[in-house]
N, C-alpha and C. Protein backbone atom coordinates (compact mmCIF):
# COMPACT_ATOMS: atom_id res chain seq x y z
N MET A 1 51.98 -256.32 78.66
CA MET A 1 52.45 -257.40 78.02
C MET A 1 51.85 -258.71 78.57
N GLY A 2 51.82 -259.72 77.73
CA GLY A 2 51.12 -260.93 78.09
C GLY A 2 51.73 -261.63 79.36
N SER A 3 52.96 -261.82 79.34
CA SER A 3 53.60 -262.55 80.57
C SER A 3 54.46 -261.53 81.26
N ASP A 4 54.90 -261.97 82.49
CA ASP A 4 55.72 -261.02 83.30
C ASP A 4 57.17 -260.99 82.78
N LEU A 5 57.49 -259.85 82.21
CA LEU A 5 58.83 -259.69 81.56
C LEU A 5 59.64 -258.65 82.43
N SER A 6 59.21 -258.40 83.65
CA SER A 6 59.94 -257.37 84.42
C SER A 6 61.30 -257.70 84.73
N SER A 7 61.69 -258.97 84.66
CA SER A 7 63.08 -259.32 85.07
C SER A 7 63.97 -259.48 83.81
N GLU A 8 63.41 -259.17 82.64
CA GLU A 8 64.18 -259.24 81.35
C GLU A 8 64.80 -257.89 81.00
N TRP A 9 65.96 -258.01 80.34
CA TRP A 9 66.59 -256.80 79.84
C TRP A 9 65.87 -256.21 78.66
N CYS A 10 65.75 -254.91 78.67
CA CYS A 10 65.00 -254.19 77.63
C CYS A 10 65.86 -252.99 77.18
N ALA A 11 65.69 -252.74 75.91
CA ALA A 11 66.31 -251.46 75.34
C ALA A 11 65.22 -250.72 74.60
N VAL A 12 65.29 -249.34 74.69
CA VAL A 12 64.29 -248.45 74.01
C VAL A 12 64.97 -247.84 72.89
N PHE A 13 64.38 -247.82 71.72
CA PHE A 13 64.94 -247.24 70.51
C PHE A 13 63.97 -246.11 70.05
N ILE A 14 64.40 -244.86 70.10
CA ILE A 14 63.51 -243.76 69.82
C ILE A 14 63.95 -243.05 68.50
N ASP A 15 63.07 -243.03 67.50
CA ASP A 15 63.24 -242.25 66.31
C ASP A 15 62.88 -240.85 66.70
N GLY A 16 63.91 -240.00 67.01
CA GLY A 16 63.68 -238.69 67.56
C GLY A 16 62.85 -237.76 66.65
N GLY A 17 63.08 -237.88 65.36
CA GLY A 17 62.38 -237.06 64.38
C GLY A 17 60.94 -237.39 64.35
N TYR A 18 60.69 -238.70 64.47
CA TYR A 18 59.25 -239.21 64.47
C TYR A 18 58.56 -238.70 65.77
N LEU A 19 59.23 -238.94 66.89
CA LEU A 19 58.61 -238.57 68.22
C LEU A 19 58.39 -237.02 68.22
N ALA A 20 59.32 -236.24 67.74
CA ALA A 20 59.20 -234.78 67.74
C ALA A 20 57.91 -234.38 66.88
N LYS A 21 57.79 -235.05 65.76
CA LYS A 21 56.63 -234.78 64.88
C LYS A 21 55.30 -235.17 65.57
N VAL A 22 55.31 -236.27 66.26
CA VAL A 22 54.06 -236.69 66.97
C VAL A 22 53.75 -235.69 68.11
N LEU A 23 54.80 -235.31 68.82
CA LEU A 23 54.55 -234.34 69.93
C LEU A 23 54.07 -232.99 69.41
N LYS A 24 54.60 -232.56 68.30
CA LYS A 24 54.19 -231.31 67.70
C LYS A 24 52.81 -231.32 67.14
N ASN A 25 52.55 -232.41 66.34
CA ASN A 25 51.28 -232.42 65.67
C ASN A 25 50.06 -232.88 66.44
N GLU A 26 50.30 -233.64 67.45
CA GLU A 26 49.19 -234.21 68.27
C GLU A 26 49.15 -233.79 69.67
N PHE A 27 50.20 -233.19 70.21
CA PHE A 27 50.19 -232.86 71.63
C PHE A 27 50.74 -231.40 71.88
N SER A 28 50.48 -230.54 70.89
CA SER A 28 50.87 -229.13 71.04
C SER A 28 52.25 -228.89 71.54
N GLU A 29 53.21 -229.67 71.01
CA GLU A 29 54.60 -229.52 71.32
C GLU A 29 54.92 -229.64 72.82
N ILE A 30 54.13 -230.44 73.50
CA ILE A 30 54.37 -230.67 74.87
C ILE A 30 55.82 -231.07 75.18
N LYS A 31 56.41 -230.65 76.24
CA LYS A 31 57.79 -231.07 76.61
C LYS A 31 57.67 -232.27 77.50
N ILE A 32 58.44 -233.31 77.13
CA ILE A 32 58.39 -234.52 78.00
C ILE A 32 59.73 -234.78 78.64
N ASP A 33 59.67 -235.53 79.67
CA ASP A 33 60.85 -235.99 80.40
C ASP A 33 61.20 -237.40 79.77
N PHE A 34 62.33 -237.45 79.08
CA PHE A 34 62.65 -238.70 78.33
C PHE A 34 63.00 -239.85 79.26
N LEU A 35 63.51 -239.54 80.44
CA LEU A 35 63.78 -240.61 81.43
C LEU A 35 62.51 -241.23 81.93
N LYS A 36 61.49 -240.36 82.18
CA LYS A 36 60.19 -240.87 82.63
C LYS A 36 59.53 -241.74 81.51
N LEU A 37 59.66 -241.22 80.28
CA LEU A 37 59.14 -241.93 79.14
C LEU A 37 59.76 -243.38 79.03
N SER A 38 61.13 -243.40 79.11
CA SER A 38 61.76 -244.72 79.00
C SER A 38 61.31 -245.64 80.12
N ASN A 39 61.25 -245.10 81.33
CA ASN A 39 60.85 -246.01 82.50
C ASN A 39 59.43 -246.37 82.40
N GLU A 40 58.60 -245.63 81.85
CA GLU A 40 57.18 -245.91 81.61
C GLU A 40 56.94 -247.01 80.56
N ILE A 41 57.71 -247.00 79.48
CA ILE A 41 57.43 -247.89 78.37
C ILE A 41 58.32 -249.14 78.34
N CYS A 42 59.31 -249.14 79.23
CA CYS A 42 60.19 -250.36 79.28
C CYS A 42 59.84 -251.20 80.44
N PRO A 43 59.24 -252.33 80.18
CA PRO A 43 58.68 -253.16 81.31
C PRO A 43 59.72 -253.86 82.18
N GLY A 44 60.93 -254.00 81.63
CA GLY A 44 61.92 -254.75 82.32
C GLY A 44 63.04 -253.92 82.87
N LYS A 45 64.20 -254.52 83.04
CA LYS A 45 65.41 -253.82 83.38
C LYS A 45 65.89 -253.09 82.14
N ARG A 46 66.04 -251.78 82.20
CA ARG A 46 66.43 -251.06 81.03
C ARG A 46 67.92 -251.00 80.89
N LEU A 47 68.35 -251.70 79.80
CA LEU A 47 69.78 -251.66 79.49
C LEU A 47 70.21 -250.23 79.09
N ARG A 48 69.44 -249.59 78.15
CA ARG A 48 69.83 -248.30 77.68
C ARG A 48 68.63 -247.81 76.81
N THR A 49 68.60 -246.49 76.68
CA THR A 49 67.64 -245.88 75.69
C THR A 49 68.46 -245.23 74.68
N TYR A 50 68.22 -245.54 73.47
CA TYR A 50 68.95 -244.96 72.32
C TYR A 50 67.97 -244.00 71.59
N TYR A 51 68.52 -242.74 71.47
CA TYR A 51 67.73 -241.65 70.86
C TYR A 51 68.47 -241.32 69.52
N TYR A 52 67.70 -241.46 68.41
CA TYR A 52 68.32 -241.28 67.08
C TYR A 52 67.66 -239.98 66.48
N ASN A 53 68.61 -239.14 65.92
CA ASN A 53 68.12 -237.91 65.28
C ASN A 53 69.29 -237.27 64.58
N ALA A 54 68.98 -236.29 63.76
CA ALA A 54 70.08 -235.56 63.08
C ALA A 54 69.94 -234.06 63.34
N PRO A 55 71.11 -233.42 63.62
CA PRO A 55 71.00 -231.96 63.87
C PRO A 55 70.53 -231.26 62.57
N PRO A 56 70.01 -230.09 62.68
CA PRO A 56 69.49 -229.31 61.53
C PRO A 56 70.62 -229.06 60.55
N TYR A 57 70.26 -228.85 59.29
CA TYR A 57 71.16 -228.53 58.22
C TYR A 57 71.89 -227.19 58.45
N GLN A 58 73.16 -227.18 58.04
CA GLN A 58 73.88 -225.92 58.07
C GLN A 58 74.56 -225.77 56.73
N SER A 59 74.38 -224.64 56.08
CA SER A 59 75.07 -224.41 54.87
C SER A 59 76.55 -224.01 55.21
N SER A 60 77.36 -223.86 54.14
CA SER A 60 78.72 -223.47 54.40
C SER A 60 79.08 -222.18 53.70
N PRO A 61 79.23 -221.12 54.45
CA PRO A 61 79.14 -220.94 55.90
C PRO A 61 77.68 -220.93 56.30
N PRO A 62 77.38 -221.34 57.57
CA PRO A 62 76.06 -221.28 58.05
C PRO A 62 75.52 -219.84 58.31
N THR A 63 74.23 -219.66 58.09
CA THR A 63 73.58 -218.43 58.39
C THR A 63 73.41 -218.30 59.89
N PRO A 64 73.23 -217.10 60.42
CA PRO A 64 73.07 -217.00 61.87
C PRO A 64 71.84 -217.77 62.29
N GLU A 65 70.76 -217.89 61.55
CA GLU A 65 69.59 -218.73 61.95
C GLU A 65 70.01 -220.20 62.00
N GLU A 66 70.71 -220.62 60.96
CA GLU A 66 71.20 -222.05 61.00
C GLU A 66 72.05 -222.37 62.15
N LYS A 67 72.95 -221.43 62.48
CA LYS A 67 73.83 -221.62 63.64
C LYS A 67 73.00 -221.80 64.91
N GLU A 68 72.04 -220.84 65.09
CA GLU A 68 71.23 -220.90 66.24
C GLU A 68 70.38 -222.18 66.37
N ARG A 69 69.78 -222.62 65.25
CA ARG A 69 69.06 -223.84 65.28
C ARG A 69 69.90 -225.06 65.59
N TYR A 70 71.07 -225.08 65.02
CA TYR A 70 72.01 -226.15 65.23
C TYR A 70 72.48 -226.14 66.72
N GLN A 71 72.81 -225.03 67.28
CA GLN A 71 73.29 -225.03 68.68
C GLN A 71 72.14 -225.40 69.61
N LYS A 72 70.90 -224.97 69.29
CA LYS A 72 69.78 -225.38 70.11
C LYS A 72 69.60 -226.89 70.06
N ALA A 73 69.70 -227.48 68.85
CA ALA A 73 69.56 -228.92 68.79
C ALA A 73 70.68 -229.69 69.53
N MET A 74 71.89 -229.18 69.43
CA MET A 74 73.01 -229.84 70.08
C MET A 74 72.87 -229.77 71.61
N ARG A 75 72.32 -228.66 72.19
CA ARG A 75 72.10 -228.54 73.57
C ARG A 75 71.06 -229.58 74.00
N PHE A 76 70.01 -229.69 73.17
CA PHE A 76 68.94 -230.67 73.42
C PHE A 76 69.52 -232.11 73.43
N PHE A 77 70.33 -232.43 72.43
CA PHE A 77 70.94 -233.77 72.31
C PHE A 77 71.83 -234.01 73.60
N HIS A 78 72.56 -233.01 73.97
CA HIS A 78 73.49 -233.14 75.03
C HIS A 78 72.67 -233.37 76.40
N SER A 79 71.49 -232.70 76.53
CA SER A 79 70.76 -232.87 77.72
C SER A 79 70.19 -234.34 77.77
N ILE A 80 69.85 -234.89 76.65
CA ILE A 80 69.32 -236.29 76.57
C ILE A 80 70.51 -237.24 76.86
N ASP A 81 71.62 -237.00 76.23
CA ASP A 81 72.85 -237.82 76.41
C ASP A 81 73.31 -237.97 77.84
N ARG A 82 73.01 -236.98 78.62
CA ARG A 82 73.43 -236.88 80.03
C ARG A 82 72.50 -237.68 80.91
N LEU A 83 71.35 -238.13 80.48
CA LEU A 83 70.44 -238.85 81.23
C LEU A 83 70.98 -240.29 81.52
N GLU A 84 70.62 -240.81 82.59
CA GLU A 84 71.08 -242.19 83.02
C GLU A 84 70.69 -243.22 81.97
N ARG A 85 71.75 -243.91 81.50
CA ARG A 85 71.55 -245.00 80.48
C ARG A 85 70.90 -244.54 79.19
N PHE A 86 71.31 -243.34 78.75
CA PHE A 86 70.81 -242.79 77.49
C PHE A 86 72.00 -242.65 76.53
N GLU A 87 71.77 -242.82 75.30
CA GLU A 87 72.80 -242.60 74.24
C GLU A 87 72.13 -241.88 73.09
N VAL A 88 72.64 -240.73 72.69
CA VAL A 88 72.18 -240.08 71.43
C VAL A 88 73.07 -240.56 70.27
N VAL A 89 72.35 -240.99 69.25
CA VAL A 89 73.03 -241.42 68.04
C VAL A 89 72.57 -240.46 66.92
N LYS A 90 73.64 -239.77 66.28
CA LYS A 90 73.31 -238.72 65.42
C LYS A 90 73.62 -239.10 63.87
N GLY A 91 72.69 -238.75 63.12
CA GLY A 91 72.86 -238.85 61.63
C GLY A 91 73.24 -237.47 61.14
N LYS A 92 72.94 -237.21 59.88
CA LYS A 92 73.19 -235.82 59.37
C LYS A 92 72.00 -235.42 58.53
N THR A 93 71.89 -234.13 58.41
CA THR A 93 70.80 -233.56 57.56
C THR A 93 71.43 -233.01 56.27
N VAL A 94 70.83 -233.43 55.21
CA VAL A 94 71.36 -232.91 53.88
C VAL A 94 70.25 -232.22 53.08
N LYS A 95 70.68 -231.31 52.22
CA LYS A 95 69.78 -230.61 51.32
C LYS A 95 69.58 -231.40 50.06
N ARG A 96 68.32 -231.53 49.67
CA ARG A 96 68.00 -232.22 48.45
C ARG A 96 67.06 -231.33 47.64
N TYR A 97 66.90 -231.70 46.40
CA TYR A 97 66.01 -230.96 45.49
C TYR A 97 64.98 -231.96 44.91
N ALA A 98 63.68 -231.52 45.00
CA ALA A 98 62.61 -232.30 44.39
C ALA A 98 62.62 -232.14 42.91
N ALA A 99 61.80 -232.97 42.18
CA ALA A 99 61.77 -232.87 40.71
C ALA A 99 61.26 -231.50 40.27
N ASP A 100 60.55 -230.85 41.05
CA ASP A 100 60.05 -229.49 40.68
C ASP A 100 61.07 -228.40 41.03
N GLY A 101 62.21 -228.75 41.53
CA GLY A 101 63.31 -227.81 41.84
C GLY A 101 63.27 -227.28 43.31
N LYS A 102 62.14 -227.58 43.97
CA LYS A 102 62.11 -227.06 45.36
C LYS A 102 63.10 -227.80 46.27
N GLU A 103 63.69 -227.08 47.13
CA GLU A 103 64.63 -227.69 48.11
C GLU A 103 63.91 -228.28 49.26
N TYR A 104 64.39 -229.35 49.84
CA TYR A 104 63.96 -229.90 51.08
C TYR A 104 65.09 -230.48 51.79
N PHE A 105 64.92 -230.86 53.04
CA PHE A 105 65.98 -231.44 53.80
C PHE A 105 65.63 -232.91 54.24
N ALA A 106 66.69 -233.72 54.22
CA ALA A 106 66.43 -235.10 54.59
C ALA A 106 67.48 -235.61 55.58
N GLN A 107 67.04 -236.40 56.58
CA GLN A 107 67.95 -237.03 57.48
C GLN A 107 68.60 -238.17 56.84
N LYS A 108 69.82 -238.40 57.03
CA LYS A 108 70.64 -239.55 56.46
C LYS A 108 71.30 -240.23 57.63
N GLY A 109 71.23 -241.63 57.54
CA GLY A 109 71.88 -242.41 58.55
C GLY A 109 71.14 -242.72 59.87
N VAL A 110 70.05 -242.06 60.07
CA VAL A 110 69.35 -242.24 61.33
C VAL A 110 68.62 -243.54 61.37
N ASP A 111 67.74 -243.86 60.43
CA ASP A 111 67.02 -245.14 60.41
C ASP A 111 67.99 -246.28 60.37
N VAL A 112 69.04 -246.18 59.56
CA VAL A 112 69.95 -247.36 59.44
C VAL A 112 70.67 -247.60 60.80
N ARG A 113 71.07 -246.51 61.43
CA ARG A 113 71.70 -246.74 62.75
C ARG A 113 70.82 -247.44 63.77
N LEU A 114 69.54 -246.99 63.79
CA LEU A 114 68.59 -247.55 64.70
C LEU A 114 68.39 -249.06 64.40
N ALA A 115 68.24 -249.39 63.05
CA ALA A 115 67.99 -250.74 62.65
C ALA A 115 69.27 -251.60 62.98
N VAL A 116 70.37 -251.18 62.74
CA VAL A 116 71.60 -251.92 63.04
C VAL A 116 71.75 -252.14 64.54
N ASP A 117 71.47 -251.11 65.37
CA ASP A 117 71.54 -251.37 66.83
C ASP A 117 70.52 -252.32 67.29
N LEU A 118 69.32 -252.22 66.84
CA LEU A 118 68.28 -253.20 67.19
C LEU A 118 68.67 -254.61 66.89
N VAL A 119 69.18 -254.83 65.68
CA VAL A 119 69.60 -256.19 65.26
C VAL A 119 70.80 -256.62 66.08
N ARG A 120 71.80 -255.73 66.23
CA ARG A 120 73.04 -256.10 66.89
C ARG A 120 72.76 -256.48 68.37
N LEU A 121 71.98 -255.68 69.12
CA LEU A 121 71.80 -256.02 70.49
C LEU A 121 70.83 -257.27 70.69
N SER A 122 70.00 -257.49 69.72
CA SER A 122 69.12 -258.62 69.73
C SER A 122 69.91 -259.92 69.51
N TRP A 123 70.71 -259.95 68.48
CA TRP A 123 71.45 -261.14 68.15
C TRP A 123 72.62 -261.40 69.10
N ALA A 124 73.15 -260.39 69.72
CA ALA A 124 74.20 -260.59 70.82
C ALA A 124 73.62 -261.10 72.06
N GLY A 125 72.28 -261.15 72.16
CA GLY A 125 71.63 -261.65 73.36
C GLY A 125 71.67 -260.68 74.54
N HIS A 126 71.93 -259.37 74.27
CA HIS A 126 71.90 -258.43 75.34
C HIS A 126 70.58 -257.96 75.89
N ILE A 127 69.47 -258.14 75.07
CA ILE A 127 68.20 -257.76 75.37
C ILE A 127 67.25 -258.93 75.00
N LYS A 128 66.08 -258.91 75.73
CA LYS A 128 64.98 -259.84 75.51
C LYS A 128 63.77 -259.05 75.01
N ILE A 129 63.77 -257.74 75.23
CA ILE A 129 62.66 -256.87 74.88
C ILE A 129 63.19 -255.63 74.19
N ALA A 130 62.62 -255.28 73.04
CA ALA A 130 62.95 -254.00 72.38
C ALA A 130 61.72 -253.19 72.26
N VAL A 131 61.79 -251.94 72.75
CA VAL A 131 60.70 -251.04 72.64
C VAL A 131 61.08 -250.01 71.63
N LEU A 132 60.25 -249.87 70.61
CA LEU A 132 60.53 -248.97 69.49
C LEU A 132 59.53 -247.81 69.38
N ILE A 133 59.91 -246.64 69.33
CA ILE A 133 59.05 -245.46 69.04
C ILE A 133 59.37 -245.05 67.65
N ALA A 134 58.49 -245.40 66.76
CA ALA A 134 58.80 -245.16 65.29
C ALA A 134 57.47 -245.33 64.54
N GLY A 135 57.49 -245.01 63.24
CA GLY A 135 56.34 -245.25 62.47
C GLY A 135 56.69 -245.68 60.96
N ASP A 136 57.89 -245.81 60.71
CA ASP A 136 58.38 -246.06 59.35
C ASP A 136 58.51 -247.53 59.04
N ASN A 137 58.02 -247.92 57.87
CA ASN A 137 58.11 -249.32 57.48
C ASN A 137 59.53 -249.74 57.08
N ASP A 138 60.49 -248.78 57.03
CA ASP A 138 61.91 -249.19 56.82
C ASP A 138 62.38 -250.02 57.92
N PHE A 139 61.74 -249.97 59.10
CA PHE A 139 62.22 -250.80 60.25
C PHE A 139 61.76 -252.25 60.26
N VAL A 140 60.87 -252.58 59.30
CA VAL A 140 60.32 -253.94 59.28
C VAL A 140 61.39 -255.03 59.26
N PRO A 141 62.36 -254.94 58.31
CA PRO A 141 63.35 -256.04 58.26
C PRO A 141 64.17 -256.16 59.56
N ALA A 142 64.41 -255.04 60.22
CA ALA A 142 65.20 -255.10 61.48
C ALA A 142 64.31 -255.69 62.55
N VAL A 143 63.01 -255.33 62.56
CA VAL A 143 62.08 -255.96 63.61
C VAL A 143 62.01 -257.47 63.40
N LYS A 144 61.89 -257.87 62.16
CA LYS A 144 61.85 -259.36 61.82
C LYS A 144 63.14 -260.02 62.34
N ALA A 145 64.31 -259.41 62.07
CA ALA A 145 65.59 -259.99 62.53
C ALA A 145 65.66 -260.11 64.09
N ALA A 146 65.23 -259.01 64.71
CA ALA A 146 65.21 -259.05 66.22
C ALA A 146 64.28 -260.19 66.77
N LYS A 147 63.11 -260.26 66.12
CA LYS A 147 62.21 -261.36 66.52
C LYS A 147 62.79 -262.71 66.26
N ASP A 148 63.55 -262.86 65.10
CA ASP A 148 64.23 -264.14 64.84
C ASP A 148 65.29 -264.50 65.94
N ALA A 149 65.82 -263.47 66.63
CA ALA A 149 66.79 -263.69 67.59
C ALA A 149 66.11 -263.97 68.98
N GLY A 150 64.77 -264.06 69.00
CA GLY A 150 64.02 -264.38 70.18
C GLY A 150 63.64 -263.11 71.02
N VAL A 151 63.77 -261.94 70.47
CA VAL A 151 63.47 -260.69 71.18
C VAL A 151 61.99 -260.33 70.95
N ILE A 152 61.27 -259.92 72.04
CA ILE A 152 59.94 -259.40 71.87
C ILE A 152 60.02 -257.91 71.48
N VAL A 153 59.34 -257.54 70.47
CA VAL A 153 59.46 -256.19 69.91
C VAL A 153 58.12 -255.48 70.17
N LYS A 154 58.12 -254.43 70.91
CA LYS A 154 56.96 -253.65 71.24
C LYS A 154 57.05 -252.27 70.51
N LEU A 155 56.03 -251.85 69.88
CA LEU A 155 56.03 -250.58 69.16
C LEU A 155 55.08 -249.62 69.83
N TYR A 156 55.56 -248.40 69.96
CA TYR A 156 54.73 -247.26 70.36
C TYR A 156 54.60 -246.35 69.14
N TYR A 157 53.35 -246.02 68.70
CA TYR A 157 53.16 -245.34 67.41
C TYR A 157 52.02 -244.34 67.57
N SER A 158 51.93 -243.50 66.52
CA SER A 158 50.86 -242.54 66.38
C SER A 158 49.87 -243.16 65.32
N LYS A 159 48.58 -243.09 65.67
CA LYS A 159 47.60 -243.60 64.73
C LYS A 159 47.61 -242.68 63.42
N ASN A 160 48.05 -241.48 63.57
CA ASN A 160 48.02 -240.54 62.42
C ASN A 160 49.24 -240.68 61.57
N SER A 161 50.28 -241.31 62.02
CA SER A 161 51.49 -241.44 61.15
C SER A 161 52.31 -242.68 61.48
N SER A 162 51.83 -243.76 60.94
CA SER A 162 52.53 -245.04 61.17
C SER A 162 52.27 -246.02 60.06
N SER A 163 53.15 -246.88 59.86
CA SER A 163 53.03 -247.88 58.82
C SER A 163 52.29 -249.11 59.37
N ASP A 164 51.26 -249.45 58.59
CA ASP A 164 50.46 -250.67 58.97
C ASP A 164 51.33 -251.91 58.94
N GLU A 165 52.24 -251.87 58.00
CA GLU A 165 53.17 -253.06 57.90
C GLU A 165 54.06 -253.15 59.11
N LEU A 166 54.54 -252.04 59.66
CA LEU A 166 55.33 -252.12 60.91
C LEU A 166 54.48 -252.53 61.99
N ILE A 167 53.28 -252.05 62.17
CA ILE A 167 52.38 -252.37 63.28
C ILE A 167 52.11 -253.91 63.22
N SER A 168 51.87 -254.41 62.07
CA SER A 168 51.58 -255.83 61.96
C SER A 168 52.74 -256.77 62.10
N THR A 169 53.97 -256.21 62.00
CA THR A 169 55.17 -257.00 62.08
C THR A 169 55.60 -257.17 63.58
N VAL A 170 55.44 -256.13 64.43
CA VAL A 170 55.88 -256.22 65.78
C VAL A 170 55.09 -257.18 66.54
N ASP A 171 55.52 -257.58 67.75
CA ASP A 171 54.85 -258.47 68.59
C ASP A 171 53.66 -257.79 69.28
N GLU A 172 53.95 -256.56 69.68
CA GLU A 172 52.93 -255.76 70.42
C GLU A 172 53.00 -254.35 69.95
N ALA A 173 51.80 -253.70 69.83
CA ALA A 173 51.80 -252.29 69.46
C ALA A 173 50.84 -251.53 70.29
N GLU A 174 51.33 -250.32 70.68
CA GLU A 174 50.46 -249.56 71.58
C GLU A 174 50.54 -248.14 71.04
N GLU A 175 49.38 -247.51 70.97
CA GLU A 175 49.31 -246.09 70.53
C GLU A 175 49.95 -245.17 71.51
N ILE A 176 50.52 -244.13 71.07
CA ILE A 176 51.02 -243.07 71.95
C ILE A 176 49.81 -242.21 72.30
N THR A 177 49.38 -242.38 73.55
CA THR A 177 48.15 -241.67 73.99
C THR A 177 48.45 -240.40 74.81
N LYS A 178 47.45 -239.60 74.94
CA LYS A 178 47.51 -238.40 75.75
C LYS A 178 47.89 -238.72 77.17
N GLU A 179 47.36 -239.89 77.69
CA GLU A 179 47.62 -240.29 79.06
C GLU A 179 49.09 -240.62 79.30
N LEU A 180 49.63 -241.30 78.28
CA LEU A 180 51.11 -241.63 78.33
C LEU A 180 51.91 -240.34 78.34
N ILE A 181 51.64 -239.44 77.41
CA ILE A 181 52.42 -238.23 77.29
C ILE A 181 52.24 -237.37 78.61
N GLU A 182 51.02 -237.31 79.14
CA GLU A 182 50.75 -236.57 80.35
C GLU A 182 51.63 -237.14 81.52
N ARG A 183 51.70 -238.45 81.66
CA ARG A 183 52.54 -239.06 82.69
C ARG A 183 54.03 -238.73 82.51
N CYS A 184 54.44 -238.40 81.30
CA CYS A 184 55.85 -238.17 81.03
C CYS A 184 56.15 -236.68 80.88
N ARG A 185 55.19 -235.87 81.18
CA ARG A 185 55.29 -234.40 81.02
C ARG A 185 56.45 -233.89 81.89
N ARG A 186 57.22 -232.95 81.32
CA ARG A 186 58.34 -232.31 82.00
C ARG A 186 57.82 -231.14 82.90
């Protein structure tokens, strides 16, 4: 960062679905230490790291495979939630149907919760730096609102899946590199 912000309060906002996709597609599903990652990317005093995701879909009643996937996800969320100054914020996964009749699954409430928390903490004056791991241009209005509150917004993104509009809206943008991921390896 341009100036010394090490004495400023920082919050990290992780779009868990996005980060999982980046780790899977670009880093061979490497397992990372989320506490190391937060400490690595947050230049100041870390208020908290917020991890946003949705557990896998379960039908009613759930199949054995759905139950197993759900329980695995909940164990993972619990392990993150237990880290120092971490909070897991969960949305839900719903089944949808495309125009051609094929089913697909969509997360609901995840992006909105992240955006609301970013704006709320910024305007309440709790943070001076927001670090965002995301790629979706849905976050642009929240980033603009945080900047309007005087918060410096830094984005970590994948060059293979990120919105140019989001990158150009934040104050600083840094690619998620192999070196960063290696330093945070579990």
